[in-house]
PDB file of N, CA and C in Angstrom:
ATOM      1  N   MET A   1       0.737  -1.008   0.046  1.00  0.00           N
ATOM      2  CA  MET A   1      -0.167   0.024  -0.005  1.00  0.00           C
ATOM      3  C   MET A   1       0.984   1.100  -0.144  1.00  0.00           C
ATOM      4  N   ASN A   2       0.743   2.433  -1.018  1.00  0.00           N
ATOM      5  CA  ASN A   2       1.324   3.161  -1.054  1.00  0.00           C
ATOM      6  C   ASN A   2       0.818   4.668   0.027  1.00  0.00           C
ATOM      7  N   ALA A   3       1.796   5.757   0.032  1.00  0.00           N
ATOM      8  CA  ALA A   3       1.654   6.764   1.246  1.00  0.00           C
ATOM      9  C   ALA A   3       0.196   7.428   0.433  1.00  0.00           C
ATOM     10  N   LEU A   4      -0.211   7.649  -0.935  1.00  0.00           N
ATOM     11  CA  LEU A   4      -1.404   8.008  -0.993  1.00  0.00           C
ATOM     12  C   LEU A   4      -2.463   7.103  -0.598  1.00  0.00           C
ATOM     13  N   GLU A   5      -2.826   5.898  -0.834  1.00  0.00           N
ATOM     14  CA  GLU A   5      -3.852   5.163  -0.433  1.00  0.00           C
ATOM     15  C   GLU A   5      -3.857   5.200   0.960  1.00  0.00           C
ATOM     16  N   ILE A   6      -2.858   5.232   1.863  1.00  0.00           N
ATOM     17  CA  ILE A   6      -3.151   5.538   3.199  1.00  0.00           C
ATOM     18  C   ILE A   6      -3.659   6.573   3.659  1.00  0.00           C
ATOM     19  N   ALA A   7      -3.121   7.502   3.375  1.00  0.00           N
ATOM     20  CA  ALA A   7      -3.279   8.919   3.318  1.00  0.00           C
ATOM     21  C   ALA A   7      -5.308   9.001   2.837  1.00  0.00           C
ATOM     22  N   THR A   8      -5.636   8.229   1.915  1.00  0.00           N
ATOM     23  CA  THR A   8      -7.135   8.395   1.502  1.00  0.00           C
ATOM     24  C   THR A   8      -7.660   7.534   2.786  1.00  0.00           C
ATOM     25  N   ILE A   9      -7.223   6.643   3.004  1.00  0.00           N
ATOM     26  CA  ILE A   9      -8.204   5.661   3.877  1.00  0.00           C
ATOM     27  C   ILE A   9      -8.383   6.386   5.285  1.00  0.00           C
ATOM     28  N   ALA A  10      -7.080   6.931   5.748  1.00  0.00           N
ATOM     29  CA  ALA A  10      -7.452   7.837   7.130  1.00  0.00           C
ATOM     30  C   ALA A  10      -8.279   8.933   6.566  1.00  0.00           C
ATOM     31  N   ALA A  11      -8.230   9.591   5.755  1.00  0.00           N
ATOM     32  CA  ALA A  11      -9.113  10.622   5.354  1.00  0.00           C
ATOM     33  C   ALA A  11     -10.769  10.335   5.302  1.00  0.00           C
ATOM     34  N   LYS A  12     -11.048   9.112   4.612  1.00  0.00           N
ATOM     35  CA  LYS A  12     -12.088   8.378   4.521  1.00  0.00           C
ATOM     36  C   LYS A  12     -12.744   7.763   6.141  1.00  0.00           C
ATOM     37  N   ALA A  13     -11.913   7.529   6.736  1.00  0.00           N
ATOM     38  CA  ALA A  13     -12.156   7.171   7.944  1.00  0.00           C
ATOM     39  C   ALA A  13     -12.623   8.369   8.988  1.00  0.00           C
ATOM     40  N   LEU A  14     -11.742   9.489   8.616  1.00  0.00           N
ATOM     41  CA  LEU A  14     -12.384  10.709   9.796  1.00  0.00           C
ATOM     42  C   LEU A  14     -13.770  11.181   9.255  1.00  0.00           C
ATOM     43  N   ASP A  15     -13.751  11.331   7.868  1.00  0.00           N
ATOM     44  CA  ASP A  15     -14.761  11.606   7.261  1.00  0.00           C
ATOM     45  C   ASP A  15     -16.152  10.926   7.939  1.00  0.00           C
ATOM     46  N   SER A  16     -15.924   9.863   7.734  1.00  0.00           N
ATOM     47  CA  SER A  16     -17.015   8.760   8.323  1.00  0.00           C
ATOM     48  C   SER A  16     -17.362   9.152   9.444  1.00  0.00           C
ATOM     49  N   LYS A  17     -16.518   9.455  10.547  1.00  0.00           N
ATOM     50  CA  LYS A  17     -17.162   9.787  12.089  1.00  0.00           C
ATOM     51  C   LYS A  17     -17.323  11.116  12.207  1.00  0.00           C
ATOM     52  N   LYS A  18     -17.457  12.049  11.089  1.00  0.00           N
ATOM     53  CA  LYS A  18     -17.714  13.381  11.068  1.00  0.00           C
ATOM     54  C   LYS A  18     -16.550  14.649  11.354  1.00  0.00           C
ATOM     55  N   ALA A  19     -15.319  14.161  11.096  1.00  0.00           N
ATOM     56  CA  ALA A  19     -14.580  15.167  11.406  1.00  0.00           C
ATOM     57  C   ALA A  19     -14.492  16.434  10.495  1.00  0.00           C
ATOM     58  N   ARG A  20     -14.334  17.616  11.168  1.00  0.00           N
ATOM     59  CA  ARG A  20     -14.242  18.657  10.605  1.00  0.00           C
ATOM     60  C   ARG A  20     -12.845  18.977   9.746  1.00  0.00           C
ATOM     61  N   ASP A  21     -12.905  20.114   9.056  1.00  0.00           N
ATOM     62  CA  ASP A  21     -12.003  20.422   8.155  1.00  0.00           C
ATOM     63  C   ASP A  21     -11.046  19.306   7.567  1.00  0.00           C
ATOM     64  N   ILE A  22     -11.052  18.360   7.138  1.00  0.00           N
ATOM     65  CA  ILE A  22      -9.880  17.428   6.771  1.00  0.00           C
ATOM     66  C   ILE A  22      -8.919  18.030   5.566  1.00  0.00           C
ATOM     67  N   ARG A  23      -8.208  17.807   6.090  1.00  0.00           N
ATOM     68  CA  ARG A  23      -7.371  18.201   4.924  1.00  0.00           C
ATOM     69  C   ARG A  23      -6.118  17.061   4.812  1.00  0.00           C
ATOM     70  N   VAL A  24      -5.653  17.158   3.510  1.00  0.00           N
ATOM     71  CA  VAL A  24      -4.376  16.135   3.333  1.00  0.00           C
ATOM     72  C   VAL A  24      -3.249  16.673   2.548  1.00  0.00           C
ATOM     73  N   LEU A  25      -1.959  16.900   3.065  1.00  0.00           N
ATOM     74  CA  LEU A  25      -1.050  17.633   2.688  1.00  0.00           C
ATOM     75  C   LEU A  25       0.206  17.191   1.945  1.00  0.00           C
ATOM     76  N   LYS A  26       0.338  17.361   0.736  1.00  0.00           N
ATOM     77  CA  LYS A  26       1.497  16.172   0.201  1.00  0.00           C
ATOM     78  C   LYS A  26       2.659  17.151   0.320  1.00  0.00           C
ATOM     79  N   VAL A  27       3.386  16.612   1.606  1.00  0.00           N
ATOM     80  CA  VAL A  27       4.850  17.067   1.632  1.00  0.00           C
ATOM     81  C   VAL A  27       6.403  16.696   1.636  1.00  0.00           C
ATOM     82  N   GLU A  28       6.025  15.442   0.761  1.00  0.00           N
ATOM     83  CA  GLU A  28       7.167  14.588   0.747  1.00  0.00           C
ATOM     84  C   GLU A  28       8.300  15.393  -0.172  1.00  0.00           C
ATOM     85  N   ASP A  29       8.203  16.593  -0.901  1.00  0.00           N
ATOM     86  CA  ASP A  29       9.360  17.599  -1.335  1.00  0.00           C
ATOM     87  C   ASP A  29       9.572  18.389  -0.562  1.00  0.00           C
ATOM     88  N   LEU A  30       9.086  18.695   1.001  1.00  0.00           N
ATOM     89  CA  LEU A  30       9.430  19.612   1.779  1.00  0.00           C
ATOM     90  C   LEU A  30      10.310  19.274   2.906  1.00  0.00           C
ATOM     91  N   THR A  31      10.096  17.516   3.191  1.00  0.00           N
ATOM     92  CA  THR A  31      10.989  17.161   4.631  1.00  0.00           C
ATOM     93  C   THR A  31      10.987  15.606   4.232  1.00  0.00           C
ATOM     94  N   VAL A  32      11.937  15.000   5.087  1.00  0.00           N
ATOM     95  CA  VAL A  32      12.081  13.920   5.355  1.00  0.00           C
ATOM     96  C   VAL A  32      11.312  13.186   6.076  1.00  0.00           C
ATOM     97  N   LEU A  33      10.643  13.714   6.911  1.00  0.00           N
ATOM     98  CA  LEU A  33       9.685  13.282   7.777  1.00  0.00           C
ATOM     99  C   LEU A  33       8.808  12.402   7.169  1.00  0.00           C
ATOM    100  N   THR A  34       7.963  12.614   6.538  1.00  0.00           N
ATOM    101  CA  THR A  34       6.961  11.680   5.337  1.00  0.00           C
ATOM    102  C   THR A  34       6.468  12.080   4.646  1.00  0.00           C
ATOM    103  N   ASP A  35       5.410  11.685   3.546  1.00  0.00           N
ATOM    104  CA  ASP A  35       5.084  12.086   2.515  1.00  0.00           C
ATOM    105  C   ASP A  35       3.879  12.819   2.414  1.00  0.00           C
ATOM    106  N   TYR A  36       3.238  12.474   3.358  1.00  0.00           N
ATOM    107  CA  TYR A  36       1.898  13.056   3.743  1.00  0.00           C
ATOM    108  C   TYR A  36       1.391  13.533   4.921  1.00  0.00           C
ATOM    109  N   PHE A  37       0.536  14.512   5.075  1.00  0.00           N
ATOM    110  CA  PHE A  37      -0.246  14.932   6.492  1.00  0.00           C
ATOM    111  C   PHE A  37      -1.441  14.938   6.246  1.00  0.00           C
ATOM    112  N   VAL A  38      -2.159  13.878   7.125  1.00  0.00           N
ATOM    113  CA  VAL A  38      -3.565  14.255   7.173  1.00  0.00           C
ATOM    114  C   VAL A  38      -4.399  14.834   8.560  1.00  0.00           C
ATOM    115  N   ILE A  39      -4.783  16.011   8.212  1.00  0.00           N
ATOM    116  CA  ILE A  39      -5.099  17.001   9.416  1.00  0.00           C
ATOM    117  C   ILE A  39      -6.525  16.775   9.711  1.00  0.00           C
ATOM    118  N   ALA A  40      -7.413  16.970  10.410  1.00  0.00           N
ATOM    119  CA  ALA A  40      -8.691  16.974  10.885  1.00  0.00           C
ATOM    120  C   ALA A  40      -8.917  17.231  12.459  1.00  0.00           C
ATOM    121  N   THR A  41     -10.180  17.644  12.824  1.00  0.00           N
ATOM    122  CA  THR A  41     -10.718  18.479  14.025  1.00  0.00           C
ATOM    123  C   THR A  41     -12.076  17.656  14.593  1.00  0.00           C
ATOM    124  N   GLY A  42     -11.788  17.260  15.672  1.00  0.00           N
ATOM    125  CA  GLY A  42     -12.958  16.661  16.630  1.00  0.00           C
ATOM    126  C   GLY A  42     -13.523  17.823  17.206  1.00  0.00           C
ATOM    127  N   THR A  43     -14.848  17.678  17.643  1.00  0.00           N
ATOM    128  CA  THR A  43     -15.550  18.579  18.469  1.00  0.00           C
ATOM    129  C   THR A  43     -15.381  18.515  19.765  1.00  0.00           C
ATOM    130  N   SER A  44     -15.254  17.482  19.959  1.00  0.00           N
ATOM    131  CA  SER A  44     -14.749  17.406  21.451  1.00  0.00           C
ATOM    132  C   SER A  44     -13.507  16.216  22.050  1.00  0.00           C
ATOM    133  N   SER A  45     -13.141  16.308  23.007  1.00  0.00           N
ATOM    134  CA  SER A  45     -12.183  15.230  23.236  1.00  0.00           C
ATOM    135  C   SER A  45     -12.726  13.862  23.200  1.00  0.00           C
ATOM    136  N   THR A  46     -13.641  13.519  23.318  1.00  0.00           N
ATOM    137  CA  THR A  46     -14.131  12.053  23.150  1.00  0.00           C
ATOM    138  C   THR A  46     -14.238  11.643  21.455  1.00  0.00           C
ATOM    139  N   GLN A  47     -15.061  12.922  21.003  1.00  0.00           N
ATOM    140  CA  GLN A  47     -14.652  13.019  19.108  1.00  0.00           C
ATOM    141  C   GLN A  47     -13.442  12.708  18.609  1.00  0.00           C
ATOM    142  N   VAL A  48     -12.392  13.473  19.226  1.00  0.00           N
ATOM    143  CA  VAL A  48     -10.739  13.059  19.000  1.00  0.00           C
ATOM    144  C   VAL A  48     -10.284  11.748  18.916  1.00  0.00           C
ATOM    145  N   ARG A  49     -10.930  11.092  20.180  1.00  0.00           N
ATOM    146  CA  ARG A  49     -10.568   9.862  20.479  1.00  0.00           C
ATOM    147  C   ARG A  49     -10.975   8.910  19.412  1.00  0.00           C
ATOM    148  N   ALA A  50     -12.467   9.345  19.309  1.00  0.00           N
ATOM    149  CA  ALA A  50     -12.821   8.251  18.306  1.00  0.00           C
ATOM    150  C   ALA A  50     -12.890   8.482  16.344  1.00  0.00           C
ATOM    151  N   LEU A  51     -12.309   9.504  16.306  1.00  0.00           N
ATOM    152  CA  LEU A  51     -11.644   9.721  14.998  1.00  0.00           C
ATOM    153  C   LEU A  51     -10.223   8.771  14.949  1.00  0.00           C
ATOM    154  N   ALA A  52      -9.552   9.156  15.929  1.00  0.00           N
ATOM    155  CA  ALA A  52      -7.929   8.317  16.045  1.00  0.00           C
ATOM    156  C   ALA A  52      -8.280   6.937  15.811  1.00  0.00           C
ATOM    157  N   ASP A  53      -9.311   6.336  16.662  1.00  0.00           N
ATOM    158  CA  ASP A  53      -9.471   5.001  16.805  1.00  0.00           C
ATOM    159  C   ASP A  53      -9.962   4.589  15.373  1.00  0.00           C
ATOM    160  N   GLU A  54     -11.030   5.555  14.889  1.00  0.00           N
ATOM    161  CA  GLU A  54     -11.498   4.928  13.615  1.00  0.00           C
ATOM    162  C   GLU A  54     -10.429   4.746  12.189  1.00  0.00           C
ATOM    163  N   VAL A  55      -9.394   5.542  12.484  1.00  0.00           N
ATOM    164  CA  VAL A  55      -7.941   5.571  11.476  1.00  0.00           C
ATOM    165  C   VAL A  55      -7.759   4.549  11.664  1.00  0.00           C
ATOM    166  N   GLU A  56      -7.039   4.177  13.004  1.00  0.00           N
ATOM    167  CA  GLU A  56      -6.687   2.791  13.308  1.00  0.00           C
ATOM    168  C   GLU A  56      -7.242   1.698  12.703  1.00  0.00           C
ATOM    169  N   PHE A  57      -8.651   1.730  13.137  1.00  0.00           N
ATOM    170  CA  PHE A  57      -9.101   0.409  12.769  1.00  0.00           C
ATOM    171  C   PHE A  57      -9.291   0.305  11.266  1.00  0.00           C
ATOM    172  N   LYS A  58      -9.633   1.389  10.420  1.00  0.00           N
ATOM    173  CA  LYS A  58      -9.551   1.205   8.840  1.00  0.00           C
ATOM    174  C   LYS A  58      -8.510   0.771   8.267  1.00  0.00           C
ATOM    175  N   LEU A  59      -7.245   1.316   9.161  1.00  0.00           N
ATOM    176  CA  LEU A  59      -5.884   0.799   8.130  1.00  0.00           C
ATOM    177  C   LEU A  59      -5.549  -0.336   8.909  1.00  0.00           C
ATOM    178  N   SER A  60      -5.758  -0.820   9.917  1.00  0.00           N
ATOM    179  CA  SER A  60      -5.926  -2.205  10.141  1.00  0.00           C
ATOM    180  C   SER A  60      -6.398  -2.986   9.598  1.00  0.00           C
ATOM    181  N   GLU A  61      -7.800  -2.742   9.197  1.00  0.00           N
ATOM    182  CA  GLU A  61      -8.472  -3.580   8.065  1.00  0.00           C
ATOM    183  C   GLU A  61      -7.848  -3.804   6.639  1.00  0.00           C
ATOM    184  N   ALA A  62      -6.908  -2.794   6.569  1.00  0.00           N
ATOM    185  CA  ALA A  62      -6.229  -2.761   5.183  1.00  0.00           C
ATOM    186  C   ALA A  62      -4.697  -3.470   5.418  1.00  0.00           C
ATOM    187  N   GLY A  63      -4.677  -3.808   6.714  1.00  0.00           N
ATOM    188  CA  GLY A  63      -3.436  -4.226   6.637  1.00  0.00           C
ATOM    189  C   GLY A  63      -2.002  -3.537   7.316  1.00  0.00           C
ATOM    190  N   ARG A  64      -2.673  -2.386   8.071  1.00  0.00           N
ATOM    191  CA  ARG A  64      -1.233  -1.250   8.553  1.00  0.00           C
ATOM    192  C   ARG A  64      -1.436  -0.983   9.615  1.00  0.00           C
ATOM    193  N   LYS A  65      -0.598  -1.278  10.298  1.00  0.00           N
ATOM    194  CA  LYS A  65      -0.278  -0.903  11.799  1.00  0.00           C
ATOM    195  C   LYS A  65       0.440   0.320  11.965  1.00  0.00           C
ATOM    196  N   PRO A  66      -0.070   1.294  13.034  1.00  0.00           N
ATOM    197  CA  PRO A  66       0.944   2.710  12.991  1.00  0.00           C
ATOM    198  C   PRO A  66       2.133   2.165  13.659  1.00  0.00           C
ATOM    199  N   ASP A  67       3.162   3.100  13.415  1.00  0.00           N
ATOM    200  CA  ASP A  67       4.728   2.890  13.983  1.00  0.00           C
ATOM    201  C   ASP A  67       4.540   3.533  15.334  1.00  0.00           C
ATOM    202  N   ARG A  68       3.784   4.374  15.401  1.00  0.00           N
ATOM    203  CA  ARG A  68       3.553   5.135  16.667  1.00  0.00           C
ATOM    204  C   ARG A  68       2.564   6.090  16.957  1.00  0.00           C
ATOM    205  N   ARG A  69       2.034   6.057  18.347  1.00  0.00           N
ATOM    206  CA  ARG A  69       0.877   7.079  18.516  1.00  0.00           C
ATOM    207  C   ARG A  69       1.290   7.696  19.747  1.00  0.00           C
ATOM    208  N   GLU A  70       0.613   9.216  19.769  1.00  0.00           N
ATOM    209  CA  GLU A  70       0.823  10.045  20.804  1.00  0.00           C
ATOM    210  C   GLU A  70      -0.278  10.886  21.210  1.00  0.00           C
ATOM    211  N   GLY A  71      -0.398  11.179  22.315  1.00  0.00           N
ATOM    212  CA  GLY A  71      -1.386  12.116  22.507  1.00  0.00           C
ATOM    213  C   GLY A  71      -2.860  11.428  23.103  1.00  0.00           C
ATOM    214  N   LEU A  72      -2.714   9.842  23.464  1.00  0.00           N
ATOM    215  CA  LEU A  72      -3.775   9.459  23.705  1.00  0.00           C
ATOM    216  C   LEU A  72      -4.470   9.884  24.893  1.00  0.00           C
ATOM    217  N   ASP A  73      -3.818  10.191  25.847  1.00  0.00           N
ATOM    218  CA  ASP A  73      -4.072  10.456  27.249  1.00  0.00           C
ATOM    219  C   ASP A  73      -4.852  11.774  27.357  1.00  0.00           C
ATOM    220  N   ALA A  74      -3.799  12.800  26.307  1.00  0.00           N
ATOM    221  CA  ALA A  74      -4.279  14.199  26.695  1.00  0.00           C
ATOM    222  C   ALA A  74      -5.352  14.351  25.834  1.00  0.00           C
ATOM    223  N   LYS A  75      -5.623  13.519  24.860  1.00  0.00           N
ATOM    224  CA  LYS A  75      -7.347  13.899  23.747  1.00  0.00           C
ATOM    225  C   LYS A  75      -7.414  15.198  23.221  1.00  0.00           C
ATOM    226  N   ASN A  76      -6.320  16.304  23.257  1.00  0.00           N
ATOM    227  CA  ASN A  76      -6.659  17.252  22.289  1.00  0.00           C
ATOM    228  C   ASN A  76      -5.722  17.523  21.268  1.00  0.00           C
ATOM    229  N   TRP A  77      -4.808  16.509  20.931  1.00  0.00           N
ATOM    230  CA  TRP A  77      -4.188  16.333  19.652  1.00  0.00           C
ATOM    231  C   TRP A  77      -3.260  14.635  19.814  1.00  0.00           C
ATOM    232  N   ILE A  78      -4.154  14.045  18.785  1.00  0.00           N
ATOM    233  CA  ILE A  78      -3.365  12.897  18.671  1.00  0.00           C
ATOM    234  C   ILE A  78      -2.989  12.556  17.495  1.00  0.00           C
ATOM    235  N   VAL A  79      -1.679  12.180  17.437  1.00  0.00           N
ATOM    236  CA  VAL A  79      -0.729  12.003  16.298  1.00  0.00           C
ATOM    237  C   VAL A  79      -0.629  10.407  16.119  1.00  0.00           C
ATOM    238  N   ILE A  80      -0.773   9.683  14.741  1.00  0.00           N
ATOM    239  CA  ILE A  80      -0.770   8.383  14.511  1.00  0.00           C
ATOM    240  C   ILE A  80       0.301   8.433  13.246  1.00  0.00           C
ATOM    241  N   ASP A  81       1.438   8.196  13.663  1.00  0.00           N
ATOM    242  CA  ASP A  81       2.367   8.005  12.590  1.00  0.00           C
ATOM    243  C   ASP A  81       2.420   6.619  11.648  1.00  0.00           C
ATOM    244  N   TYR A  82       2.321   6.708  10.601  1.00  0.00           N
ATOM    245  CA  TYR A  82       2.607   5.646   9.636  1.00  0.00           C
ATOM    246  C   TYR A  82       3.474   5.658   8.853  1.00  0.00           C
ATOM    247  N   GLY A  83       4.822   6.251   9.386  1.00  0.00           N
ATOM    248  CA  GLY A  83       6.103   6.487   8.460  1.00  0.00           C
ATOM    249  C   GLY A  83       5.559   7.458   7.236  1.00  0.00           C
ATOM    250  N   THR A  84       5.032   6.750   5.990  1.00  0.00           N
ATOM    251  CA  THR A  84       4.939   7.913   4.851  1.00  0.00           C
ATOM    252  C   THR A  84       3.770   8.702   5.200  1.00  0.00           C
ATOM    253  N   VAL A  85       2.916   8.365   6.414  1.00  0.00           N
ATOM    254  CA  VAL A  85       1.589   9.378   6.441  1.00  0.00           C
ATOM    255  C   VAL A  85       1.577   9.760   7.948  1.00  0.00           C
ATOM    256  N   ILE A  86       1.606  10.654   8.272  1.00  0.00           N
ATOM    257  CA  ILE A  86       1.372  11.157   9.826  1.00  0.00           C
ATOM    258  C   ILE A  86      -0.098  11.790   9.999  1.00  0.00           C
ATOM    259  N   VAL A  87      -0.891  11.411  10.551  1.00  0.00           N
ATOM    260  CA  VAL A  87      -2.138  11.605  10.804  1.00  0.00           C
ATOM    261  C   VAL A  87      -2.421  12.611  12.136  1.00  0.00           C
ATOM    262  N   HIS A  88      -2.900  13.626  12.038  1.00  0.00           N
ATOM    263  CA  HIS A  88      -3.024  14.728  13.483  1.00  0.00           C
ATOM    264  C   HIS A  88      -4.649  15.002  13.417  1.00  0.00           C
ATOM    265  N   VAL A  89      -5.330  14.445  14.713  1.00  0.00           N
ATOM    266  CA  VAL A  89      -6.467  14.836  15.042  1.00  0.00           C
ATOM    267  C   VAL A  89      -6.465  15.560  16.188  1.00  0.00           C
ATOM    268  N   PHE A  90      -7.256  16.945  16.062  1.00  0.00           N
ATOM    269  CA  PHE A  90      -6.884  17.755  16.614  1.00  0.00           C
ATOM    270  C   PHE A  90      -8.285  18.091  17.468  1.00  0.00           C
ATOM    271  N   TYR A  91      -8.197  18.777  18.836  1.00  0.00           N
ATOM    272  CA  TYR A  91      -9.492  19.744  19.517  1.00  0.00           C
ATOM    273  C   TYR A  91      -9.616  21.037  18.693  1.00  0.00           C
ATOM    274  N   PRO A  92     -10.474  21.573  18.588  1.00  0.00           N
ATOM    275  CA  PRO A  92     -10.357  22.822  17.852  1.00  0.00           C
ATOM    276  C   PRO A  92      -9.466  23.902  18.428  1.00  0.00           C
ATOM    277  N   GLU A  93      -9.254  24.223  19.388  1.00  0.00           N
ATOM    278  CA  GLU A  93      -8.622  25.143  19.821  1.00  0.00           C
ATOM    279  C   GLU A  93      -7.129  24.830  19.941  1.00  0.00           C
ATOM    280  N   THR A  94      -6.672  23.735  19.870  1.00  0.00           N
ATOM    281  CA  THR A  94      -5.152  23.026  19.904  1.00  0.00           C
ATOM    282  C   THR A  94      -4.772  23.114  18.233  1.00  0.00           C
ATOM    283  N   ARG A  95      -5.723  23.005  17.367  1.00  0.00           N
ATOM    284  CA  ARG A  95      -5.712  22.890  16.321  1.00  0.00           C
ATOM    285  C   ARG A  95      -5.205  24.601  15.542  1.00  0.00           C
ATOM    286  N   ASP A  96      -6.191  25.423  16.234  1.00  0.00           N
ATOM    287  CA  ASP A  96      -5.779  27.106  15.668  1.00  0.00           C
ATOM    288  C   ASP A  96      -4.452  27.466  16.371  1.00  0.00           C
ATOM    289  N   PHE A  97      -4.127  26.761  17.805  1.00  0.00           N
ATOM    290  CA  PHE A  97      -2.801  27.118  18.025  1.00  0.00           C
ATOM    291  C   PHE A  97      -1.918  26.993  17.749  1.00  0.00           C
ATOM    292  N   TYR A  98      -1.690  25.543  17.078  1.00  0.00           N
ATOM    293  CA  TYR A  98      -0.269  25.181  16.332  1.00  0.00           C
ATOM    294  C   TYR A  98      -0.610  25.456  14.577  1.00  0.00           C
ATOM    295  N   ASP A  99      -1.669  25.633  14.014  1.00  0.00           N
ATOM    296  CA  ASP A  99      -2.029  25.812  12.541  1.00  0.00           C
ATOM    297  C   ASP A  99      -0.882  25.220  11.972  1.00  0.00           C
ATOM    298  N   LEU A 100      -0.637  23.730  11.857  1.00  0.00           N
ATOM    299  CA  LEU A 100      -0.123  23.304  10.655  1.00  0.00           C
ATOM    300  C   LEU A 100      -0.206  23.746   9.375  1.00  0.00           C
ATOM    301  N   GLU A 101      -1.166  23.819   9.043  1.00  0.00           N
ATOM    302  CA  GLU A 101      -1.341  24.385   7.617  1.00  0.00           C
ATOM    303  C   GLU A 101      -0.733  25.804   7.364  1.00  0.00           C
ATOM    304  N   ARG A 102      -0.353  26.690   8.161  1.00  0.00           N
ATOM    305  CA  ARG A 102       0.549  27.807   8.097  1.00  0.00           C
ATOM    306  C   ARG A 102       1.717  27.078   8.023  1.00  0.00           C
ATOM    307  N   LEU A 103       2.247  26.505   8.908  1.00  0.00           N
ATOM    308  CA  LEU A 103       3.590  25.858   9.141  1.00  0.00           C
ATOM    309  C   LEU A 103       3.952  25.365   7.398  1.00  0.00           C
ATOM    310  N   TRP A 104       2.767  24.579   6.931  1.00  0.00           N
ATOM    311  CA  TRP A 104       3.317  23.624   5.935  1.00  0.00           C
ATOM    312  C   TRP A 104       2.772  24.336   4.544  1.00  0.00           C
ATOM    313  N   ALA A 105       2.807  25.827   4.887  1.00  0.00           N
ATOM    314  CA  ALA A 105       1.745  26.288   3.577  1.00  0.00           C
ATOM    315  C   ALA A 105       2.714  25.967   2.236  1.00  0.00           C
ATOM    316  N   ASP A 106       3.433  25.584   1.803  1.00  0.00           N
ATOM    317  CA  ASP A 106       4.011  25.245   0.885  1.00  0.00           C
ATOM    318  C   ASP A 106       3.896  23.494   0.437  1.00  0.00           C
ATOM    319  N   ALA A 107       3.214  23.185   1.111  1.00  0.00           N
ATOM    320  CA  ALA A 107       2.682  21.719   0.973  1.00  0.00           C
ATOM    321  C   ALA A 107       1.634  21.903  -0.439  1.00  0.00           C
ATOM    322  N   THR A 108       1.443  20.558  -0.878  1.00  0.00           N
ATOM    323  CA  THR A 108       0.546  20.409  -2.015  1.00  0.00           C
ATOM    324  C   THR A 108      -0.443  19.767  -1.147  1.00  0.00           C
ATOM    325  N   PRO A 109      -1.604  20.570  -1.334  1.00  0.00           N
ATOM    326  CA  PRO A 109      -3.251  20.096  -1.226  1.00  0.00           C
ATOM    327  C   PRO A 109      -3.766  18.696  -1.782  1.00  0.00           C
ATOM    328  N   VAL A 110      -4.236  18.002  -1.322  1.00  0.00           N
ATOM    329  CA  VAL A 110      -4.634  16.601  -1.875  1.00  0.00           C
ATOM    330  C   VAL A 110      -5.854  16.387  -1.877  1.00  0.00           C
ATOM    331  N   GLU A 111      -6.702  16.309  -2.961  1.00  0.00           N
ATOM    332  CA  GLU A 111      -8.251  16.425  -2.719  1.00  0.00           C
ATOM    333  C   GLU A 111      -8.612  15.015  -2.773  1.00  0.00           C
ATOM    334  N   ILE A 112      -9.223  14.716  -2.212  1.00  0.00           N
ATOM    335  CA  ILE A 112     -10.025  13.128  -1.591  1.00  0.00           C
ATOM    336  C   ILE A 112     -11.208  13.449  -2.034  1.00  0.00           C
ATOM    337  N   GLU A 113     -11.634  12.434  -2.701  1.00  0.00           N
ATOM    338  CA  GLU A 113     -13.404  11.852  -2.782  1.00  0.00           C
ATOM    339  C   GLU A 113     -14.050  11.066  -1.888  1.00  0.00           C
ATOM    340  N   TYR A 114     -15.190  12.041  -1.266  1.00  0.00           N
ATOM    341  CA  TYR A 114     -15.609  10.568  -0.414  1.00  0.00           C
ATOM    342  C   TYR A 114     -16.522  10.286  -0.791  1.00  0.00           C
TER     343      TYR A 114
END
């Protein structure tokens, strides 16, 4: 499974659980960290956790397990690292504070069909 396929499954999983403002950014030409960021917002700490769980569930069904997960206890920013794709699920205020889209403004937005 390639990076775009992983990002697409993650974005669709987030959409299926009503995540807000889902963005997929292609960053492979800008950093060695990863190829894609998937960024989304949940409306509560409970939804943030549910969104992250759904991403992991859908990708595990496709045969991919995350390399790392961070923020599961705090639930205001959960990061799921799949190597070539990093999924960020934010609580609204946390997303506004870190503003990853501004930090990665040179990234190429990727349109995902839901």
